[in-house]
Amino acid sequence: MPILRRELSPGCPVLEINHPVVRARVALQGAQILGWTPKGQAPVLYLSPQAVCRAGKALRGGVPVCWPWFGPHPSDPAGPSHGVARTRCWELGRVTEDAAGVELLFILTDSAETRLLWPQAFRLELTLRIGAELKLSLRMVNTGDCPYTVTGALHSYVAVGDIRQVHVTGLEGADYLDETASPPQVRRQEGAIRFAEEVDRDFRSAAPVRIHDAALGRVVEVEGSGSQCCVVWNPWIDKAKSLADLPDEGYERFVCVETANAWEDRVVLAPGAEHVLSTVLRLV
């Protein structure tokens, strides 16, 4: 099996995958894929060089799992952003390999720590299929005895050569919630998305999205399922300077295109019910 276990920092185990068709790294904290590089390609995911891996600290980059809420805590402004899943250590349940790549299954269940932040019972299973394509599938199950509502996202940081030379297609004509407005405003996307300022948009769309990167000469497609919302985000200059785990110029090197249950797309889980949120990244 072409997998090595290393420490990114003390107490932060990372699996390093070296397969004939792909190289990748996955942190057990958050079950977070940090790097994905298909054979013959430049790295497709962005990881901040200032990302810090320690217990309870979110990692900036790769594909964080945001769950059971997306964005600020729904009722407590002091609560952690983007939920509890991305800062917990997941159990590695299964590893398989074939000629096309490697598949990993990670498991997270509620604990005394998670119930302090969100008093619900759950089981999460994240399947990573890592090869020429990258597929993430998050299966969420309500293991408690009362219904609850969740939001979340597979928060892909896609590496780009220069954000000013990037445009995003597939969302033309879609309505979106502009989170940069105060208060947030619903608008309609006209043409491709281009970047000359902060962009933080929750789109009412389930269509595949393409990131056209002129500097690197490639197109990355992000295709989701189990979702009616797509989030596009780049912090631009001022917000990048406010993020301690991102270089001031880091915003130039990534765009986030996220398969999400967010904005109007909220998932109600009855006792015993489940929902699967998936995303596929591929080079076109």
Protein backbone atom coordinates (compact mmCIF):
# COMPACT_ATOMS: atom_id res chain seq x y z
CA MET A 1 0.00 0.00 0.00
CA PRO A 2 1.63 3.30 -1.11
CA ILE A 3 0.74 5.22 2.07
CA LEU A 4 3.07 6.59 4.73
CA ARG A 5 1.97 8.08 8.05
CA ARG A 6 3.91 11.14 9.14
CA GLU A 7 3.55 14.03 11.58
CA LEU A 8 2.83 17.42 9.99
CA SER A 9 3.44 18.78 13.48
CA PRO A 10 3.46 17.05 16.91
CA GLY A 11 0.12 15.31 17.37
CA CYS A 12 -1.06 15.99 13.81
CA PRO A 13 -0.81 12.74 11.80
CA VAL A 14 -0.85 13.05 8.01
CA LEU A 15 -1.15 10.25 5.46
CA GLU A 16 1.12 10.66 2.45
CA ILE A 17 -0.07 8.82 -0.67
CA ASN A 18 2.34 8.01 -3.47
CA HIS A 19 0.47 6.07 -6.15
CA PRO A 20 1.50 5.63 -9.82
CA VAL A 21 -1.30 7.99 -10.94
CA VAL A 22 -1.45 10.48 -8.06
CA ARG A 23 0.24 11.98 -5.03
CA ALA A 24 -1.76 13.30 -2.09
CA ARG A 25 -1.69 14.18 1.60
CA VAL A 26 -4.56 13.78 4.07
CA ALA A 27 -4.64 14.98 7.69
CA LEU A 28 -6.54 12.84 10.19
CA GLN A 29 -7.67 16.07 11.84
CA GLY A 30 -10.79 16.99 9.91
CA ALA A 31 -10.20 14.06 7.51
CA GLN A 32 -8.88 16.93 5.42
CA ILE A 33 -7.16 16.35 2.10
CA LEU A 34 -4.32 18.87 1.98
CA GLY A 35 -2.80 18.11 -1.41
CA TRP A 36 -3.86 16.38 -4.62
CA THR A 37 -1.48 16.15 -7.58
CA PRO A 38 -2.43 13.85 -10.48
CA LYS A 39 0.52 12.44 -12.43
CA GLY A 40 2.07 14.98 -14.76
CA GLN A 41 0.15 17.92 -13.28
CA ALA A 42 0.86 20.84 -10.98
CA PRO A 43 -0.81 20.66 -7.54
CA VAL A 44 -4.56 21.26 -7.85
CA LEU A 45 -5.28 22.19 -4.22
CA TYR A 46 -3.94 25.21 -2.37
CA LEU A 47 -2.55 24.88 1.17
CA SER A 48 -1.46 28.04 2.93
CA PRO A 49 2.25 27.95 3.82
CA GLN A 50 1.21 29.49 7.14
CA ALA A 51 -1.39 26.80 7.93
CA VAL A 52 -1.04 25.52 11.48
CA CYS A 53 -1.93 21.94 12.38
CA ARG A 54 -2.79 21.52 16.03
CA ALA A 55 -5.71 20.08 17.97
CA GLY A 56 -8.82 22.21 17.62
CA LYS A 57 -7.25 24.52 15.01
CA ALA A 58 -8.68 24.59 11.47
CA LEU A 59 -6.23 24.14 8.57
CA ARG A 60 -6.32 26.81 5.86
CA GLY A 61 -6.45 25.04 2.50
CA GLY A 62 -7.09 21.69 0.86
CA VAL A 63 -10.73 20.66 1.29
CA PRO A 64 -12.04 21.29 4.81
CA VAL A 65 -15.28 19.57 5.82
CA CYS A 66 -17.66 22.24 7.17
CA TRP A 67 -20.42 20.61 9.26
CA PRO A 68 -23.00 20.80 10.91
CA TRP A 69 -23.12 24.49 10.09
CA PHE A 70 -21.63 26.63 7.36
CA GLY A 71 -20.20 30.01 8.31
CA PRO A 72 -20.77 31.48 11.78
CA HIS A 73 -22.37 29.41 14.54
CA PRO A 74 -26.15 29.66 14.00
CA SER A 75 -26.91 30.90 17.53
CA ASP A 76 -23.64 31.68 19.34
CA PRO A 77 -21.39 34.41 17.87
CA ALA A 78 -18.52 33.06 20.00
CA GLY A 79 -18.93 29.54 18.62
CA PRO A 80 -16.47 28.07 16.12
CA SER A 81 -16.91 28.98 12.46
CA HIS A 82 -17.91 26.22 10.00
CA GLY A 83 -18.86 23.62 12.61
CA VAL A 84 -17.03 20.95 14.58
CA ALA A 85 -16.04 18.36 11.97
CA ARG A 86 -12.97 20.13 10.58
CA THR A 87 -11.23 20.43 13.96
CA ARG A 88 -11.77 16.87 15.24
CA CYS A 89 -9.52 13.87 14.71
CA TRP A 90 -11.37 11.31 12.57
CA GLU A 91 -10.96 7.53 12.67
CA LEU A 92 -9.46 5.91 9.58
CA GLY A 93 -11.89 3.09 8.82
CA ARG A 94 -10.79 1.53 5.52
CA VAL A 95 -8.05 1.85 2.90
CA THR A 96 -8.24 0.21 -0.53
CA GLU A 97 -6.10 0.54 -3.64
CA ASP A 98 -6.48 -0.31 -7.31
CA ALA A 99 -4.90 0.75 -10.59
CA ALA A 100 -6.99 3.95 -10.67
CA GLY A 101 -6.00 5.23 -7.23
CA VAL A 102 -6.67 4.95 -3.50
CA GLU A 103 -9.89 5.08 -1.49
CA LEU A 104 -9.99 6.10 2.18
CA LEU A 105 -12.94 5.97 4.57
CA PHE A 106 -12.94 8.24 7.63
CA ILE A 107 -15.48 8.14 10.48
CA LEU A 108 -16.50 10.73 13.07
CA THR A 109 -19.21 10.35 15.73
CA ASP A 110 -20.46 12.70 18.40
CA SER A 111 -18.54 12.93 21.65
CA ALA A 112 -18.62 14.87 24.90
CA GLU A 113 -16.51 17.57 23.19
CA THR A 114 -18.80 17.96 20.18
CA ARG A 115 -21.93 17.96 22.34
CA LEU A 116 -20.62 20.96 24.25
CA LEU A 117 -20.74 22.89 20.97
CA TRP A 118 -23.71 21.16 19.32
CA PRO A 119 -25.88 18.86 21.48
CA GLN A 120 -26.83 16.31 18.82
CA ALA A 121 -25.99 12.68 18.04
CA PHE A 122 -24.51 11.91 14.63
CA ARG A 123 -22.29 9.70 12.55
CA LEU A 124 -20.25 11.07 9.65
CA GLU A 125 -18.51 8.96 7.01
CA LEU A 126 -16.21 10.71 4.56
CA THR A 127 -15.07 8.67 1.57
CA LEU A 128 -12.11 10.04 -0.39
CA ARG A 129 -11.49 8.56 -3.83
CA ILE A 130 -8.08 9.86 -4.90
CA GLY A 131 -6.83 9.33 -8.44
CA ALA A 132 -6.86 11.26 -11.72
CA GLU A 133 -10.09 12.71 -10.30
CA LEU A 134 -10.72 13.61 -6.67
CA LYS A 135 -14.09 12.63 -5.21
CA LEU A 136 -15.26 13.38 -1.69
CA SER A 137 -18.55 11.98 -0.34
CA LEU A 138 -19.81 13.01 3.09
CA ARG A 139 -22.53 10.73 4.50
CA MET A 140 -24.27 12.27 7.49
CA VAL A 141 -26.60 10.23 9.72
CA ASN A 142 -28.82 11.38 12.57
CA THR A 143 -28.22 8.75 15.28
CA GLY A 144 -30.31 10.59 17.85
CA ASP A 145 -34.01 10.56 18.69
CA CYS A 146 -35.03 14.05 17.50
CA PRO A 147 -34.83 15.79 14.11
CA TYR A 148 -32.37 18.58 13.43
CA THR A 149 -31.30 20.87 10.60
CA VAL A 150 -27.76 21.06 9.27
CA THR A 151 -25.79 23.08 6.75
CA GLY A 152 -22.25 22.45 5.55
CA ALA A 153 -19.81 22.36 2.67
CA LEU A 154 -16.90 20.60 1.05
CA HIS A 155 -14.76 23.74 1.00
CA SER A 156 -12.37 23.23 -1.95
CA TYR A 157 -9.38 25.57 -2.17
CA VAL A 158 -8.36 25.30 -5.84
CA ALA A 159 -4.81 26.46 -6.61
CA VAL A 160 -4.44 29.05 -9.37
CA GLY A 161 -1.48 30.81 -10.96
CA ASP A 162 -2.85 34.35 -10.62
CA ILE A 163 -6.39 35.14 -9.43
CA ARG A 164 -6.49 38.19 -11.72
CA GLN A 165 -6.22 35.86 -14.72
CA VAL A 166 -8.98 33.51 -13.53
CA HIS A 167 -12.61 33.38 -14.57
CA VAL A 168 -15.31 30.98 -13.38
CA THR A 169 -18.11 29.69 -15.63
CA GLY A 170 -21.24 27.60 -15.13
CA LEU A 171 -23.09 30.04 -12.88
CA GLU A 172 -24.26 32.52 -15.50
CA GLY A 173 -27.83 33.67 -14.82
CA ALA A 174 -27.95 32.13 -11.34
CA ASP A 175 -29.18 34.10 -8.33
CA TYR A 176 -26.74 34.47 -5.48
CA LEU A 177 -26.51 35.91 -1.99
CA ASP A 178 -23.74 38.51 -1.95
CA GLU A 179 -22.14 38.12 1.47
CA THR A 180 -19.87 41.14 0.92
CA ALA A 181 -22.87 43.49 1.02
CA SER A 182 -24.15 44.85 4.33
CA PRO A 183 -26.72 43.50 4.78
CA PRO A 184 -26.24 40.60 2.29
CA GLN A 185 -28.12 41.15 -0.96
CA VAL A 186 -29.62 38.76 -3.52
CA ARG A 187 -28.24 39.46 -7.01
CA ARG A 188 -28.04 37.70 -10.39
CA GLN A 189 -24.80 36.60 -12.00
CA GLU A 190 -24.17 38.25 -15.36
CA GLY A 191 -21.51 36.45 -17.40
CA ALA A 192 -18.46 34.73 -15.98
CA ILE A 193 -17.13 35.53 -12.52
CA ARG A 194 -13.92 37.56 -12.59
CA PHE A 195 -11.86 38.77 -9.66
CA ALA A 196 -10.90 42.38 -8.94
CA GLU A 197 -12.22 42.58 -5.35
CA GLU A 198 -13.45 40.29 -2.58
CA VAL A 199 -15.97 37.71 -3.83
CA ASP A 200 -18.18 35.81 -1.39
CA ARG A 201 -21.27 34.47 -3.16
CA ASP A 202 -23.73 31.70 -2.28
CA PHE A 203 -25.29 30.62 -5.59
CA ARG A 204 -28.67 28.99 -6.05
CA SER A 205 -27.25 26.39 -8.46
CA ALA A 206 -26.34 22.72 -8.75
CA ALA A 207 -24.60 23.03 -12.14
CA PRO A 208 -20.97 21.97 -12.69
CA VAL A 209 -18.58 24.91 -12.36
CA ARG A 210 -15.33 25.44 -14.27
CA ILE A 211 -12.32 27.44 -13.12
CA HIS A 212 -10.41 28.77 -16.13
CA ASP A 213 -6.81 29.49 -15.12
CA ALA A 214 -4.89 31.33 -17.83
CA ALA A 215 -1.66 31.56 -15.82
CA LEU A 216 -1.41 27.78 -15.33
CA GLY A 217 -3.05 26.99 -18.67
CA ARG A 218 -5.70 24.64 -17.29
CA VAL A 219 -9.38 24.26 -16.46
CA VAL A 220 -10.56 22.64 -13.21
CA GLU A 221 -14.17 21.43 -12.99
CA VAL A 222 -16.05 21.13 -9.71
CA GLU A 223 -19.23 19.03 -9.84
CA GLY A 224 -21.40 18.52 -6.79
CA SER A 225 -24.33 16.36 -5.76
CA GLY A 226 -26.63 16.35 -2.75
CA SER A 227 -26.52 20.13 -2.99
CA GLN A 228 -28.51 23.01 -4.46
CA CYS A 229 -25.92 25.63 -3.54
CA CYS A 230 -22.45 26.52 -4.78
CA VAL A 231 -20.21 28.95 -2.92
CA VAL A 232 -17.48 30.98 -4.65
CA TRP A 233 -15.00 32.82 -2.41
CA ASN A 234 -11.79 34.78 -2.61
CA PRO A 235 -10.86 37.11 0.27
CA TRP A 236 -8.91 39.64 -1.84
CA ILE A 237 -6.41 42.08 -0.34
CA ASP A 238 -7.87 43.47 2.89
CA LYS A 239 -9.42 40.27 4.23
CA ALA A 240 -6.29 38.26 3.36
CA LYS A 241 -4.30 40.64 5.57
CA SER A 242 -6.69 39.95 8.45
CA LEU A 243 -6.21 36.15 8.26
CA ALA A 244 -3.25 35.15 10.42
CA ASP A 245 -2.80 31.77 8.73
CA LEU A 246 -2.67 33.20 5.18
CA PRO A 247 0.17 35.25 3.62
CA ASP A 248 -0.86 38.77 2.65
CA GLU A 249 -0.49 37.80 -1.03
CA GLY A 250 -2.02 34.34 -0.54
CA TYR A 251 -5.34 35.40 -2.06
CA GLU A 252 -3.60 35.54 -5.47
CA ARG A 253 -3.04 31.76 -5.45
CA PHE A 254 -6.48 30.22 -4.87
CA VAL A 255 -10.18 30.40 -5.44
CA CYS A 256 -12.71 28.45 -3.37
CA VAL A 257 -15.53 26.75 -5.28
CA GLU A 258 -17.57 24.80 -2.75
CA THR A 259 -20.33 22.22 -2.99
CA ALA A 260 -22.57 23.31 -0.14
CA ASN A 261 -25.78 22.90 1.77
CA ALA A 262 -25.99 26.60 2.57
CA TRP A 263 -28.14 29.72 2.21
CA GLU A 264 -31.61 28.33 1.29
CA ASP A 265 -30.31 24.76 0.94
CA ARG A 266 -30.69 23.36 4.44
CA VAL A 267 -30.95 19.66 5.26
CA VAL A 268 -33.47 18.37 7.81
CA LEU A 269 -32.46 14.98 9.22
CA ALA A 270 -35.13 12.95 10.99
CA PRO A 271 -33.97 10.31 13.51
CA GLY A 272 -32.18 7.58 11.55
CA ALA A 273 -32.21 9.62 8.33
CA GLU A 274 -29.13 10.33 6.25
CA HIS A 275 -27.94 12.70 3.54
CA VAL A 276 -24.90 12.47 1.23
CA LEU A 277 -23.03 15.57 0.05
CA SER A 278 -20.44 14.91 -2.65
CA THR A 279 -18.04 16.81 -4.86
CA VAL A 280 -15.75 15.79 -7.72
CA LEU A 281 -12.75 17.80 -8.88
CA ARG A 282 -11.25 17.04 -12.27
CA LEU A 283 -8.90 18.59 -14.79
CA VAL A 284 -10.69 19.23 -18.08
